[in-house]
């Protein structure tokens, strides 16, 4: 949270990505204390972005979760970018620690070209 603030972002909300296998079973990690099948995510903002439609604020099954198949190491699910595009369809975004391009938006990280397919 301090890093987010240091970079100029205001914390808005967060949730969890429930990781699934291709057979839709929970994809547990190795864990240090507890094994987990979820990864938290944070959403921050700079300035005052305006939602495209107030009715799109709850565009995922539950307000704080995404369930998606686990892909390669640290590669985020397609559903995450789709959710963001629906929440704020006319905004410019930057994904931090990205591992692939995001057409029309910035991606920051030292592995942004790990997967060059640009389809999310």
PDB file of N, CA and C in Angstrom:
ATOM      1  N   UNK A   1       0.822  -1.186   0.000  1.00  0.00           N
ATOM      2  CA  UNK A   1       0.000   0.000   0.000  1.00  0.00           C
ATOM      3  C   UNK A   1       0.870   1.255   0.000  1.00  0.00           C
ATOM      4  N   UNK A   2       1.980   1.200   0.744  1.00  0.00           N
ATOM      5  CA  UNK A   2       2.873   2.365   0.764  1.00  0.00           C
ATOM      6  C   UNK A   2       3.509   2.586  -0.605  1.00  0.00           C
ATOM      7  N   UNK A   3       3.869   1.507  -1.286  1.00  0.00           N
ATOM      8  CA  UNK A   3       4.459   1.638  -2.615  1.00  0.00           C
ATOM      9  C   UNK A   3       3.446   2.227  -3.593  1.00  0.00           C
ATOM     10  N   UNK A   4       2.219   1.758  -3.520  1.00  0.00           N
ATOM     11  CA  UNK A   4       1.163   2.294  -4.375  1.00  0.00           C
ATOM     12  C   UNK A   4       1.019   3.801  -4.147  1.00  0.00           C
ATOM     13  N   UNK A   5       0.993   4.199  -2.906  1.00  0.00           N
ATOM     14  CA  UNK A   5       0.885   5.618  -2.574  1.00  0.00           C
ATOM     15  C   UNK A   5       2.130   6.379  -3.039  1.00  0.00           C
ATOM     16  N   UNK A   6       3.302   5.795  -2.846  1.00  0.00           N
ATOM     17  CA  UNK A   6       4.552   6.438  -3.268  1.00  0.00           C
ATOM     18  C   UNK A   6       4.557   6.689  -4.778  1.00  0.00           C
ATOM     19  N   UNK A   7       3.985   5.798  -5.549  1.00  0.00           N
ATOM     20  CA  UNK A   7       3.937   5.938  -7.004  1.00  0.00           C
ATOM     21  C   UNK A   7       2.806   6.859  -7.452  1.00  0.00           C
ATOM     22  N   UNK A   8       2.025   7.411  -6.524  1.00  0.00           N
ATOM     23  CA  UNK A   8       0.995   8.379  -6.868  1.00  0.00           C
ATOM     24  C   UNK A   8      -0.391   7.805  -7.038  1.00  0.00           C
ATOM     25  N   UNK A   9      -0.596   6.547  -6.674  1.00  0.00           N
ATOM     26  CA  UNK A   9      -1.905   5.912  -6.801  1.00  0.00           C
ATOM     27  C   UNK A   9      -2.663   6.005  -5.490  1.00  0.00           C
ATOM     28  N   UNK A  10      -3.966   6.195  -5.567  1.00  0.00           N
ATOM     29  CA  UNK A  10      -4.845   6.076  -4.414  1.00  0.00           C
ATOM     30  C   UNK A  10      -5.481   4.696  -4.480  1.00  0.00           C
ATOM     31  N   UNK A  11      -5.410   3.957  -3.381  1.00  0.00           N
ATOM     32  CA  UNK A  11      -6.040   2.639  -3.322  1.00  0.00           C
ATOM     33  C   UNK A  11      -7.544   2.799  -3.465  1.00  0.00           C
ATOM     34  N   UNK A  12      -8.158   1.985  -4.328  1.00  0.00           N
ATOM     35  CA  UNK A  12      -9.603   2.043  -4.544  1.00  0.00           C
ATOM     36  C   UNK A  12     -10.274   0.800  -3.978  1.00  0.00           C
ATOM     37  N   UNK A  13      -9.805  -0.359  -4.371  1.00  0.00           N
ATOM     38  CA  UNK A  13     -10.409  -1.616  -3.925  1.00  0.00           C
ATOM     39  C   UNK A  13      -9.440  -2.750  -4.198  1.00  0.00           C
ATOM     40  N   UNK A  14      -9.821  -3.904  -3.774  1.00  0.00           N
ATOM     41  CA  UNK A  14      -9.018  -5.093  -4.013  1.00  0.00           C
ATOM     42  C   UNK A  14      -9.912  -6.306  -4.044  1.00  0.00           C
ATOM     43  N   UNK A  15      -9.326  -7.405  -4.370  1.00  0.00           N
ATOM     44  CA  UNK A  15     -10.075  -8.651  -4.425  1.00  0.00           C
ATOM     45  C   UNK A  15      -9.124  -9.809  -4.562  1.00  0.00           C
ATOM     46  N   UNK A  16      -9.653 -10.944  -4.964  1.00  0.00           N
ATOM     47  CA  UNK A  16      -8.797 -12.109  -5.132  1.00  0.00           C
ATOM     48  C   UNK A  16      -9.087 -12.808  -6.454  1.00  0.00           C
ATOM     49  N   UNK A  17      -8.033 -13.341  -7.001  1.00  0.00           N
ATOM     50  CA  UNK A  17      -8.119 -14.176  -8.199  1.00  0.00           C
ATOM     51  C   UNK A  17      -8.037 -15.610  -7.702  1.00  0.00           C
ATOM     52  N   UNK A  18      -9.135 -16.341  -7.831  1.00  0.00           N
ATOM     53  CA  UNK A  18      -9.173 -17.753  -7.469  1.00  0.00           C
ATOM     54  C   UNK A  18      -8.593 -18.520  -8.647  1.00  0.00           C
ATOM     55  N   UNK A  19      -7.460 -19.177  -8.434  1.00  0.00           N
ATOM     56  CA  UNK A  19      -6.765 -19.876  -9.519  1.00  0.00           C
ATOM     57  C   UNK A  19      -7.326 -21.277  -9.696  1.00  0.00           C
ATOM     58  N   UNK A  20      -7.612 -21.608 -10.953  1.00  0.00           N
ATOM     59  CA  UNK A  20      -8.177 -22.910 -11.310  1.00  0.00           C
ATOM     60  C   UNK A  20      -7.266 -23.624 -12.303  1.00  0.00           C
ATOM     61  N   UNK A  21      -7.355 -24.961 -12.314  1.00  0.00           N
ATOM     62  CA  UNK A  21      -6.660 -25.755 -13.324  1.00  0.00           C
ATOM     63  C   UNK A  21      -7.531 -25.820 -14.576  1.00  0.00           C
ATOM     64  N   UNK A  22      -7.017 -26.406 -15.642  1.00  0.00           N
ATOM     65  CA  UNK A  22      -7.812 -26.554 -16.868  1.00  0.00           C
ATOM     66  C   UNK A  22      -9.043 -27.420 -16.640  1.00  0.00           C
ATOM     67  N   UNK A  23      -9.007 -28.282 -15.614  1.00  0.00           N
ATOM     68  CA  UNK A  23     -10.162 -29.111 -15.244  1.00  0.00           C
ATOM     69  C   UNK A  23     -11.052 -28.419 -14.215  1.00  0.00           C
ATOM     70  N   UNK A  24     -10.791 -27.176 -13.949  1.00  0.00           N
ATOM     71  CA  UNK A  24     -11.536 -26.306 -13.036  1.00  0.00           C
ATOM     72  C   UNK A  24     -11.411 -26.725 -11.566  1.00  0.00           C
ATOM     73  N   UNK A  25     -10.353 -27.450 -11.229  1.00  0.00           N
ATOM     74  CA  UNK A  25     -10.058 -27.733  -9.826  1.00  0.00           C
ATOM     75  C   UNK A  25      -9.257 -26.562  -9.282  1.00  0.00           C
ATOM     76  N   UNK A  26      -9.248 -26.405  -7.967  1.00  0.00           N
ATOM     77  CA  UNK A  26      -8.441 -25.356  -7.369  1.00  0.00           C
ATOM     78  C   UNK A  26      -6.967 -25.628  -7.636  1.00  0.00           C
ATOM     79  N   UNK A  27      -6.224 -24.609  -8.037  1.00  0.00           N
ATOM     80  CA  UNK A  27      -4.797 -24.722  -8.344  1.00  0.00           C
ATOM     81  C   UNK A  27      -4.010 -24.212  -7.147  1.00  0.00           C
ATOM     82  N   UNK A  28      -3.718 -25.096  -6.225  1.00  0.00           N
ATOM     83  CA  UNK A  28      -3.015 -24.714  -5.003  1.00  0.00           C
ATOM     84  C   UNK A  28      -1.546 -24.464  -5.274  1.00  0.00           C
ATOM     85  N   UNK A  29      -1.001 -23.445  -4.625  1.00  0.00           N
ATOM     86  CA  UNK A  29       0.428 -23.178  -4.677  1.00  0.00           C
ATOM     87  C   UNK A  29       1.123 -23.927  -3.561  1.00  0.00           C
ATOM     88  N   UNK A  30       2.436 -23.767  -3.492  1.00  0.00           N
ATOM     89  CA  UNK A  30       3.184 -24.480  -2.461  1.00  0.00           C
ATOM     90  C   UNK A  30       3.016 -23.827  -1.097  1.00  0.00           C
ATOM     91  N   UNK A  31       2.961 -22.516  -1.052  1.00  0.00           N
ATOM     92  CA  UNK A  31       2.727 -21.805   0.197  1.00  0.00           C
ATOM     93  C   UNK A  31       3.904 -21.875   1.151  1.00  0.00           C
ATOM     94  N   UNK A  32       3.953 -20.940   2.075  1.00  0.00           N
ATOM     95  CA  UNK A  32       4.976 -20.923   3.116  1.00  0.00           C
ATOM     96  C   UNK A  32       4.381 -21.352   4.448  1.00  0.00           C
ATOM     97  N   UNK A  33       3.187 -20.868   4.739  1.00  0.00           N
ATOM     98  CA  UNK A  33       2.513 -21.250   5.972  1.00  0.00           C
ATOM     99  C   UNK A  33       1.257 -22.045   5.619  1.00  0.00           C
ATOM    100  N   UNK A  34       0.461 -21.511   4.705  1.00  0.00           N
ATOM    101  CA  UNK A  34      -0.732 -22.199   4.222  1.00  0.00           C
ATOM    102  C   UNK A  34      -0.669 -22.264   2.706  1.00  0.00           C
ATOM    103  N   UNK A  35      -1.167 -23.348   2.147  1.00  0.00           N
ATOM    104  CA  UNK A  35      -1.270 -23.444   0.699  1.00  0.00           C
ATOM    105  C   UNK A  35      -2.501 -22.662   0.277  1.00  0.00           C
ATOM    106  N   UNK A  36      -2.372 -21.899  -0.779  1.00  0.00           N
ATOM    107  CA  UNK A  36      -3.458 -21.039  -1.214  1.00  0.00           C
ATOM    108  C   UNK A  36      -3.740 -21.249  -2.691  1.00  0.00           C
ATOM    109  N   UNK A  37      -4.987 -21.031  -3.063  1.00  0.00           N
ATOM    110  CA  UNK A  37      -5.379 -21.102  -4.470  1.00  0.00           C
ATOM    111  C   UNK A  37      -5.840 -19.732  -4.943  1.00  0.00           C
ATOM    112  N   UNK A  38      -5.471 -18.703  -4.224  1.00  0.00           N
ATOM    113  CA  UNK A  38      -5.877 -17.365  -4.660  1.00  0.00           C
ATOM    114  C   UNK A  38      -4.693 -16.398  -4.583  1.00  0.00           C
ATOM    115  N   UNK A  39      -4.831 -15.347  -5.358  1.00  0.00           N
ATOM    116  CA  UNK A  39      -3.828 -14.290  -5.377  1.00  0.00           C
ATOM    117  C   UNK A  39      -4.566 -12.964  -5.244  1.00  0.00           C
ATOM    118  N   UNK A  40      -4.168 -12.145  -4.293  1.00  0.00           N
ATOM    119  CA  UNK A  40      -4.854 -10.855  -4.143  1.00  0.00           C
ATOM    120  C   UNK A  40      -4.474  -9.898  -5.270  1.00  0.00           C
ATOM    121  N   UNK A  41      -5.389  -8.993  -5.586  1.00  0.00           N
ATOM    122  CA  UNK A  41      -5.081  -7.925  -6.527  1.00  0.00           C
ATOM    123  C   UNK A  41      -5.565  -6.604  -5.943  1.00  0.00           C
ATOM    124  N   UNK A  42      -4.892  -5.535  -6.341  1.00  0.00           N
ATOM    125  CA  UNK A  42      -5.234  -4.199  -5.882  1.00  0.00           C
ATOM    126  C   UNK A  42      -5.582  -3.345  -7.086  1.00  0.00           C
ATOM    127  N   UNK A  43      -6.537  -2.451  -6.912  1.00  0.00           N
ATOM    128  CA  UNK A  43      -6.881  -1.488  -7.950  1.00  0.00           C
ATOM    129  C   UNK A  43      -6.671  -0.106  -7.356  1.00  0.00           C
ATOM    130  N   UNK A  44      -5.876   0.681  -8.049  1.00  0.00           N
ATOM    131  CA  UNK A  44      -5.611   2.038  -7.617  1.00  0.00           C
ATOM    132  C   UNK A  44      -5.953   3.008  -8.728  1.00  0.00           C
ATOM    133  N   UNK A  45      -5.975   4.281  -8.397  1.00  0.00           N
ATOM    134  CA  UNK A  45      -6.288   5.294  -9.406  1.00  0.00           C
ATOM    135  C   UNK A  45      -5.406   6.508  -9.190  1.00  0.00           C
ATOM    136  N   UNK A  46      -5.238   7.246 -10.268  1.00  0.00           N
ATOM    137  CA  UNK A  46      -4.607   8.556 -10.220  1.00  0.00           C
ATOM    138  C   UNK A  46      -5.651   9.510 -10.767  1.00  0.00           C
ATOM    139  N   UNK A  47      -5.985  10.534 -10.017  1.00  0.00           N
ATOM    140  CA  UNK A  47      -7.011  11.467 -10.459  1.00  0.00           C
ATOM    141  C   UNK A  47      -8.401  10.944 -10.167  1.00  0.00           C
ATOM    142  N   UNK A  48      -9.354  11.327 -11.023  1.00  0.00           N
ATOM    143  CA  UNK A  48     -10.758  10.970 -10.818  1.00  0.00           C
ATOM    144  C   UNK A  48     -11.351  10.334 -12.067  1.00  0.00           C
ATOM    145  N   UNK A  49     -10.974   9.095 -12.383  1.00  0.00           N
ATOM    146  CA  UNK A  49     -11.558   8.458 -13.559  1.00  0.00           C
ATOM    147  C   UNK A  49     -13.060   8.282 -13.393  1.00  0.00           C
ATOM    148  N   UNK A  50     -13.790   8.429 -14.468  1.00  0.00           N
ATOM    149  CA  UNK A  50     -15.251   8.321 -14.445  1.00  0.00           C
ATOM    150  C   UNK A  50     -15.676   7.001 -15.076  1.00  0.00           C
ATOM    151  N   UNK A  51     -16.510   6.217 -14.378  1.00  0.00           N
ATOM    152  CA  UNK A  51     -17.001   4.968 -14.959  1.00  0.00           C
ATOM    153  C   UNK A  51     -17.866   5.239 -16.179  1.00  0.00           C
ATOM    154  N   UNK A  52     -17.809   4.335 -17.163  1.00  0.00           N
ATOM    155  CA  UNK A  52     -18.629   4.478 -18.363  1.00  0.00           C
ATOM    156  C   UNK A  52     -20.107   4.392 -18.037  1.00  0.00           C
ATOM    157  N   UNK A  53     -20.449   3.551 -17.068  1.00  0.00           N
ATOM    158  CA  UNK A  53     -21.836   3.367 -16.660  1.00  0.00           C
ATOM    159  C   UNK A  53     -21.849   2.933 -15.204  1.00  0.00           C
ATOM    160  N   UNK A  54     -22.664   3.565 -14.401  1.00  0.00           N
ATOM    161  CA  UNK A  54     -22.761   3.174 -12.990  1.00  0.00           C
ATOM    162  C   UNK A  54     -23.261   1.737 -12.837  1.00  0.00           C
ATOM    163  N   UNK A  55     -24.000   1.223 -13.821  1.00  0.00           N
ATOM    164  CA  UNK A  55     -24.519  -0.141 -13.724  1.00  0.00           C
ATOM    165  C   UNK A  55     -23.423  -1.175 -13.956  1.00  0.00           C
ATOM    166  N   UNK A  56     -22.245  -0.770 -14.414  1.00  0.00           N
ATOM    167  CA  UNK A  56     -21.151  -1.699 -14.672  1.00  0.00           C
ATOM    168  C   UNK A  56     -20.227  -1.881 -13.481  1.00  0.00           C
ATOM    169  N   UNK A  57     -20.539  -1.287 -12.347  1.00  0.00           N
ATOM    170  CA  UNK A  57     -19.624  -1.375 -11.206  1.00  0.00           C
ATOM    171  C   UNK A  57     -19.514  -2.783 -10.650  1.00  0.00           C
ATOM    172  N   UNK A  58     -20.542  -3.583 -10.747  1.00  0.00           N
ATOM    173  CA  UNK A  58     -20.499  -4.959 -10.243  1.00  0.00           C
ATOM    174  C   UNK A  58     -20.557  -5.935 -11.406  1.00  0.00           C
ATOM    175  N   UNK A  59     -19.531  -5.887 -12.243  1.00  0.00           N
ATOM    176  CA  UNK A  59     -19.555  -6.683 -13.474  1.00  0.00           C
ATOM    177  C   UNK A  59     -18.938  -8.058 -13.316  1.00  0.00           C
ATOM    178  N   UNK A  60     -18.506  -8.414 -12.126  1.00  0.00           N
ATOM    179  CA  UNK A  60     -17.993  -9.755 -11.905  1.00  0.00           C
ATOM    180  C   UNK A  60     -18.945 -10.475 -10.964  1.00  0.00           C
ATOM    181  N   UNK A  61     -18.880 -11.823 -10.918  1.00  0.00           N
ATOM    182  CA  UNK A  61     -19.832 -12.634 -10.142  1.00  0.00           C
ATOM    183  C   UNK A  61     -20.008 -12.103  -8.733  1.00  0.00           C
ATOM    184  N   UNK A  62     -18.913 -11.928  -8.044  1.00  0.00           N
ATOM    185  CA  UNK A  62     -18.926 -11.355  -6.707  1.00  0.00           C
ATOM    186  C   UNK A  62     -18.081 -10.094  -6.783  1.00  0.00           C
ATOM    187  N   UNK A  63     -18.375  -9.107  -5.969  1.00  0.00           N
ATOM    188  CA  UNK A  63     -17.666  -7.833  -6.089  1.00  0.00           C
ATOM    189  C   UNK A  63     -16.152  -7.918  -5.898  1.00  0.00           C
ATOM    190  N   UNK A  64     -15.661  -9.000  -5.327  1.00  0.00           N
ATOM    191  CA  UNK A  64     -14.230  -9.021  -5.024  1.00  0.00           C
ATOM    192  C   UNK A  64     -13.509 -10.287  -5.466  1.00  0.00           C
ATOM    193  N   UNK A  65     -14.031 -10.987  -6.487  1.00  0.00           N
ATOM    194  CA  UNK A  65     -13.333 -12.201  -6.900  1.00  0.00           C
ATOM    195  C   UNK A  65     -13.413 -12.409  -8.400  1.00  0.00           C
ATOM    196  N   UNK A  66     -12.351 -12.990  -8.919  1.00  0.00           N
ATOM    197  CA  UNK A  66     -12.281 -13.448 -10.306  1.00  0.00           C
ATOM    198  C   UNK A  66     -11.862 -14.904 -10.236  1.00  0.00           C
ATOM    199  N   UNK A  67     -12.573 -15.785 -10.915  1.00  0.00           N
ATOM    200  CA  UNK A  67     -12.155 -17.177 -11.011  1.00  0.00           C
ATOM    201  C   UNK A  67     -11.687 -17.416 -12.426  1.00  0.00           C
ATOM    202  N   UNK A  68     -10.451 -17.896 -12.569  1.00  0.00           N
ATOM    203  CA  UNK A  68      -9.884 -18.086 -13.898  1.00  0.00           C
ATOM    204  C   UNK A  68      -8.788 -19.147 -13.851  1.00  0.00           C
ATOM    205  N   UNK A  69      -8.512 -19.714 -14.985  1.00  0.00           N
ATOM    206  CA  UNK A  69      -7.468 -20.726 -15.101  1.00  0.00           C
ATOM    207  C   UNK A  69      -6.108 -20.081 -14.881  1.00  0.00           C
ATOM    208  N   UNK A  70      -5.296 -20.753 -14.066  1.00  0.00           N
ATOM    209  CA  UNK A  70      -3.922 -20.301 -13.823  1.00  0.00           C
ATOM    210  C   UNK A  70      -3.116 -20.533 -15.098  1.00  0.00           C
ATOM    211  N   UNK A  71      -2.420 -19.500 -15.510  1.00  0.00           N
ATOM    212  CA  UNK A  71      -1.581 -19.613 -16.699  1.00  0.00           C
ATOM    213  C   UNK A  71      -0.116 -19.642 -16.255  1.00  0.00           C
ATOM    214  N   UNK A  72       0.775 -19.211 -17.099  1.00  0.00           N
ATOM    215  CA  UNK A  72       2.190 -19.241 -16.774  1.00  0.00           C
ATOM    216  C   UNK A  72       2.486 -18.381 -15.554  1.00  0.00           C
ATOM    217  N   UNK A  73       3.646 -18.574 -14.968  1.00  0.00           N
ATOM    218  CA  UNK A  73       4.050 -17.876 -13.750  1.00  0.00           C
ATOM    219  C   UNK A  73       3.829 -16.367 -13.876  1.00  0.00           C
ATOM    220  N   UNK A  74       3.079 -15.810 -12.945  1.00  0.00           N
ATOM    221  CA  UNK A  74       2.809 -14.371 -12.833  1.00  0.00           C
ATOM    222  C   UNK A  74       1.998 -13.783 -13.985  1.00  0.00           C
ATOM    223  N   UNK A  75       1.485 -14.598 -14.870  1.00  0.00           N
ATOM    224  CA  UNK A  75       0.662 -14.087 -15.974  1.00  0.00           C
ATOM    225  C   UNK A  75      -0.776 -13.969 -15.491  1.00  0.00           C
ATOM    226  N   UNK A  76      -1.293 -12.756 -15.538  1.00  0.00           N
ATOM    227  CA  UNK A  76      -2.623 -12.484 -15.003  1.00  0.00           C
ATOM    228  C   UNK A  76      -3.710 -13.010 -15.936  1.00  0.00           C
ATOM    229  N   UNK A  77      -4.897 -13.260 -15.393  1.00  0.00           N
ATOM    230  CA  UNK A  77      -5.981 -13.798 -16.228  1.00  0.00           C
ATOM    231  C   UNK A  77      -6.572 -12.760 -17.176  1.00  0.00           C
ATOM    232  N   UNK A  78      -7.038 -13.233 -18.314  1.00  0.00           N
ATOM    233  CA  UNK A  78      -7.704 -12.380 -19.300  1.00  0.00           C
ATOM    234  C   UNK A  78      -8.882 -11.657 -18.658  1.00  0.00           C
ATOM    235  N   UNK A  79      -9.605 -12.333 -17.779  1.00  0.00           N
ATOM    236  CA  UNK A  79     -10.793 -11.768 -17.149  1.00  0.00           C
ATOM    237  C   UNK A  79     -10.487 -10.494 -16.367  1.00  0.00           C
ATOM    238  N   UNK A  80      -9.264 -10.352 -15.886  1.00  0.00           N
ATOM    239  CA  UNK A  80      -8.921  -9.155 -15.113  1.00  0.00           C
ATOM    240  C   UNK A  80      -8.944  -7.917 -16.008  1.00  0.00           C
ATOM    241  N   UNK A  81      -8.335  -8.012 -17.175  1.00  0.00           N
ATOM    242  CA  UNK A  81      -8.346  -6.868 -18.095  1.00  0.00           C
ATOM    243  C   UNK A  81      -9.746  -6.619 -18.639  1.00  0.00           C
ATOM    244  N   UNK A  82     -10.497  -7.673 -18.878  1.00  0.00           N
ATOM    245  CA  UNK A  82     -11.882  -7.498 -19.352  1.00  0.00           C
ATOM    246  C   UNK A  82     -12.720  -6.761 -18.316  1.00  0.00           C
ATOM    247  N   UNK A  83     -12.547  -7.117 -17.041  1.00  0.00           N
ATOM    248  CA  UNK A  83     -13.280  -6.457 -15.964  1.00  0.00           C
ATOM    249  C   UNK A  83     -12.939  -4.964 -15.929  1.00  0.00           C
ATOM    250  N   UNK A  84     -11.662  -4.647 -16.024  1.00  0.00           N
ATOM    251  CA  UNK A  84     -11.229  -3.252 -15.974  1.00  0.00           C
ATOM    252  C   UNK A  84     -11.777  -2.477 -17.166  1.00  0.00           C
ATOM    253  N   UNK A  85     -11.722  -3.076 -18.352  1.00  0.00           N
ATOM    254  CA  UNK A  85     -12.259  -2.406 -19.552  1.00  0.00           C
ATOM    255  C   UNK A  85     -13.756  -2.146 -19.430  1.00  0.00           C
ATOM    256  N   UNK A  86     -14.510  -3.060 -18.796  1.00  0.00           N
ATOM    257  CA  UNK A  86     -15.947  -2.839 -18.614  1.00  0.00           C
ATOM    258  C   UNK A  86     -16.225  -1.776 -17.559  1.00  0.00           C
ATOM    259  N   UNK A  87     -15.422  -1.755 -16.516  1.00  0.00           N
ATOM    260  CA  UNK A  87     -15.624  -0.761 -15.462  1.00  0.00           C
ATOM    261  C   UNK A  87     -15.368   0.654 -15.969  1.00  0.00           C
ATOM    262  N   UNK A  88     -14.312   0.827 -16.737  1.00  0.00           N
ATOM    263  CA  UNK A  88     -13.911   2.151 -17.218  1.00  0.00           C
ATOM    264  C   UNK A  88     -13.523   2.050 -18.692  1.00  0.00           C
ATOM    265  N   UNK A  89     -14.504   1.972 -19.578  1.00  0.00           N
ATOM    266  CA  UNK A  89     -14.227   1.669 -20.988  1.00  0.00           C
ATOM    267  C   UNK A  89     -13.459   2.740 -21.750  1.00  0.00           C
ATOM    268  N   UNK A  90     -13.462   3.965 -21.308  1.00  0.00           N
ATOM    269  CA  UNK A  90     -12.799   5.030 -22.073  1.00  0.00           C
ATOM    270  C   UNK A  90     -11.592   5.593 -21.339  1.00  0.00           C
ATOM    271  N   UNK A  91     -10.991   4.816 -20.482  1.00  0.00           N
ATOM    272  CA  UNK A  91      -9.858   5.290 -19.695  1.00  0.00           C
ATOM    273  C   UNK A  91      -8.550   4.675 -20.201  1.00  0.00           C
ATOM    274  N   UNK A  92      -7.475   5.271 -19.819  1.00  0.00           N
ATOM    275  CA  UNK A  92      -6.130   4.814 -20.132  1.00  0.00           C
ATOM    276  C   UNK A  92      -5.584   4.126 -18.891  1.00  0.00           C
ATOM    277  N   UNK A  93      -4.990   2.952 -19.050  1.00  0.00           N
ATOM    278  CA  UNK A  93      -4.535   2.168 -17.906  1.00  0.00           C
ATOM    279  C   UNK A  93      -3.062   1.843 -17.997  1.00  0.00           C
ATOM    280  N   UNK A  94      -2.513   1.504 -16.866  1.00  0.00           N
ATOM    281  CA  UNK A  94      -1.159   0.982 -16.778  1.00  0.00           C
ATOM    282  C   UNK A  94      -1.206  -0.239 -15.866  1.00  0.00           C
ATOM    283  N   UNK A  95      -0.734  -1.368 -16.373  1.00  0.00           N
ATOM    284  CA  UNK A  95      -0.656  -2.573 -15.557  1.00  0.00           C
ATOM    285  C   UNK A  95       0.768  -2.685 -15.027  1.00  0.00           C
ATOM    286  N   UNK A  96       0.902  -2.768 -13.712  1.00  0.00           N
ATOM    287  CA  UNK A  96       2.212  -2.904 -13.090  1.00  0.00           C
ATOM    288  C   UNK A  96       2.604  -4.375 -13.006  1.00  0.00           C
ATOM    289  N   UNK A  97       3.855  -4.660 -13.222  1.00  0.00           N
ATOM    290  CA  UNK A  97       4.399  -6.017 -13.183  1.00  0.00           C
ATOM    291  C   UNK A  97       3.758  -6.901 -14.254  1.00  0.00           C
ATOM    292  N   UNK A  98       3.462  -6.314 -15.374  1.00  0.00           N
ATOM    293  CA  UNK A  98       2.830  -7.045 -16.474  1.00  0.00           C
ATOM    294  C   UNK A  98       3.825  -7.998 -17.120  1.00  0.00           C
ATOM    295  N   UNK A  99       3.293  -9.032 -17.779  1.00  0.00           N
ATOM    296  CA  UNK A  99       4.137  -9.982 -18.482  1.00  0.00           C
ATOM    297  C   UNK A  99       3.790 -10.062 -19.957  1.00  0.00           C
ATOM    298  N   UNK A 100       2.878  -9.209 -20.411  1.00  0.00           N
ATOM    299  CA  UNK A 100       2.491  -9.207 -21.818  1.00  0.00           C
ATOM    300  C   UNK A 100       1.942  -7.836 -22.188  1.00  0.00           C
ATOM    301  N   UNK A 101       1.944  -7.492 -23.467  1.00  0.00           N
ATOM    302  CA  UNK A 101       1.392  -6.204 -23.905  1.00  0.00           C
ATOM    303  C   UNK A 101      -0.106  -6.116 -23.632  1.00  0.00           C
ATOM    304  N   UNK A 102      -0.623  -4.898 -23.581  1.00  0.00           N
ATOM    305  CA  UNK A 102      -2.061  -4.651 -23.446  1.00  0.00           C
ATOM    306  C   UNK A 102      -2.376  -3.540 -24.428  1.00  0.00           C
ATOM    307  N   UNK A 103      -2.968  -3.877 -25.530  1.00  0.00           N
ATOM    308  CA  UNK A 103      -3.217  -2.938 -26.615  1.00  0.00           C
ATOM    309  C   UNK A 103      -3.909  -1.667 -26.110  1.00  0.00           C
ATOM    310  N   UNK A 104      -3.329  -0.518 -26.427  1.00  0.00           N
ATOM    311  CA  UNK A 104      -3.910   0.766 -26.057  1.00  0.00           C
ATOM    312  C   UNK A 104      -3.586   1.230 -24.647  1.00  0.00           C
ATOM    313  N   UNK A 105      -2.789   0.459 -23.909  1.00  0.00           N
ATOM    314  CA  UNK A 105      -2.465   0.797 -22.525  1.00  0.00           C
ATOM    315  C   UNK A 105      -0.977   0.567 -22.272  1.00  0.00           C
ATOM    316  N   UNK A 106      -0.482   1.140 -21.189  1.00  0.00           N
ATOM    317  CA  UNK A 106       0.903   0.914 -20.789  1.00  0.00           C
ATOM    318  C   UNK A 106       1.003  -0.346 -19.953  1.00  0.00           C
ATOM    319  N   UNK A 107       2.138  -0.998 -20.048  1.00  0.00           N
ATOM    320  CA  UNK A 107       2.477  -2.104 -19.156  1.00  0.00           C
ATOM    321  C   UNK A 107       3.878  -1.830 -18.626  1.00  0.00           C
ATOM    322  N   UNK A 108       4.047  -1.989 -17.331  1.00  0.00           N
ATOM    323  CA  UNK A 108       5.338  -1.750 -16.701  1.00  0.00           C
ATOM    324  C   UNK A 108       5.831  -3.053 -16.089  1.00  0.00           C
ATOM    325  N   UNK A 109       7.102  -3.299 -16.201  1.00  0.00           N
ATOM    326  CA  UNK A 109       7.716  -4.474 -15.605  1.00  0.00           C
ATOM    327  C   UNK A 109       8.933  -4.873 -16.408  1.00  0.00           C
ATOM    328  N   UNK A 110       9.719  -5.785 -15.862  1.00  0.00           N
ATOM    329  CA  UNK A 110      10.917  -6.212 -16.572  1.00  0.00           C
ATOM    330  C   UNK A 110      10.688  -7.455 -17.434  1.00  0.00           C
ATOM    331  N   UNK A 111       9.439  -7.896 -17.555  1.00  0.00           N
ATOM    332  CA  UNK A 111       9.108  -9.052 -18.400  1.00  0.00           C
ATOM    333  C   UNK A 111       7.864  -8.770 -19.237  1.00  0.00           C
ATOM    334  N   UNK A 112       7.696  -7.541 -19.676  1.00  0.00           N
ATOM    335  CA  UNK A 112       6.475  -7.168 -20.396  1.00  0.00           C
ATOM    336  C   UNK A 112       6.362  -7.813 -21.764  1.00  0.00           C
ATOM    337  N   UNK A 113       7.423  -8.418 -22.248  1.00  0.00           N
ATOM    338  CA  UNK A 113       7.352  -9.082 -23.539  1.00  0.00           C
ATOM    339  C   UNK A 113       7.468 -10.602 -23.408  1.00  0.00           C
ATOM    340  N   UNK A 114       7.231 -11.140 -22.206  1.00  0.00           N
ATOM    341  CA  UNK A 114       7.317 -12.586 -21.993  1.00  0.00           C
ATOM    342  C   UNK A 114       6.320 -13.338 -22.871  1.00  0.00           C
ATOM    343  N   UNK A 115       5.177 -12.728 -23.123  1.00  0.00           N
ATOM    344  CA  UNK A 115       4.147 -13.312 -23.977  1.00  0.00           C
ATOM    345  C   UNK A 115       3.683 -12.199 -24.900  1.00  0.00           C
ATOM    346  N   UNK A 116       4.070 -12.222 -26.154  1.00  0.00           N
ATOM    347  CA  UNK A 116       3.826 -11.110 -27.049  1.00  0.00           C
ATOM    348  C   UNK A 116       2.537 -11.191 -27.822  1.00  0.00           C
ATOM    349  N   UNK A 117       1.536 -11.950 -27.348  1.00  0.00           N
ATOM    350  CA  UNK A 117       0.329 -12.159 -28.141  1.00  0.00           C
ATOM    351  C   UNK A 117      -0.637 -10.992 -28.121  1.00  0.00           C
ATOM    352  N   UNK A 118      -0.539 -10.081 -27.144  1.00  0.00           N
ATOM    353  CA  UNK A 118      -1.352  -8.866 -27.078  1.00  0.00           C
ATOM    354  C   UNK A 118      -2.856  -9.128 -27.114  1.00  0.00           C
ATOM    355  N   UNK A 119      -3.277 -10.321 -26.707  1.00  0.00           N
ATOM    356  CA  UNK A 119      -4.725 -10.593 -26.672  1.00  0.00           C
ATOM    357  C   UNK A 119      -5.236 -10.629 -25.254  1.00  0.00           C
ATOM    358  N   UNK A 120      -4.423 -10.221 -24.306  1.00  0.00           N
ATOM    359  CA  UNK A 120      -4.841 -10.180 -22.916  1.00  0.00           C
ATOM    360  C   UNK A 120      -4.499 -11.436 -22.264  1.00  0.00           C
TER     361      UNK A 120
END
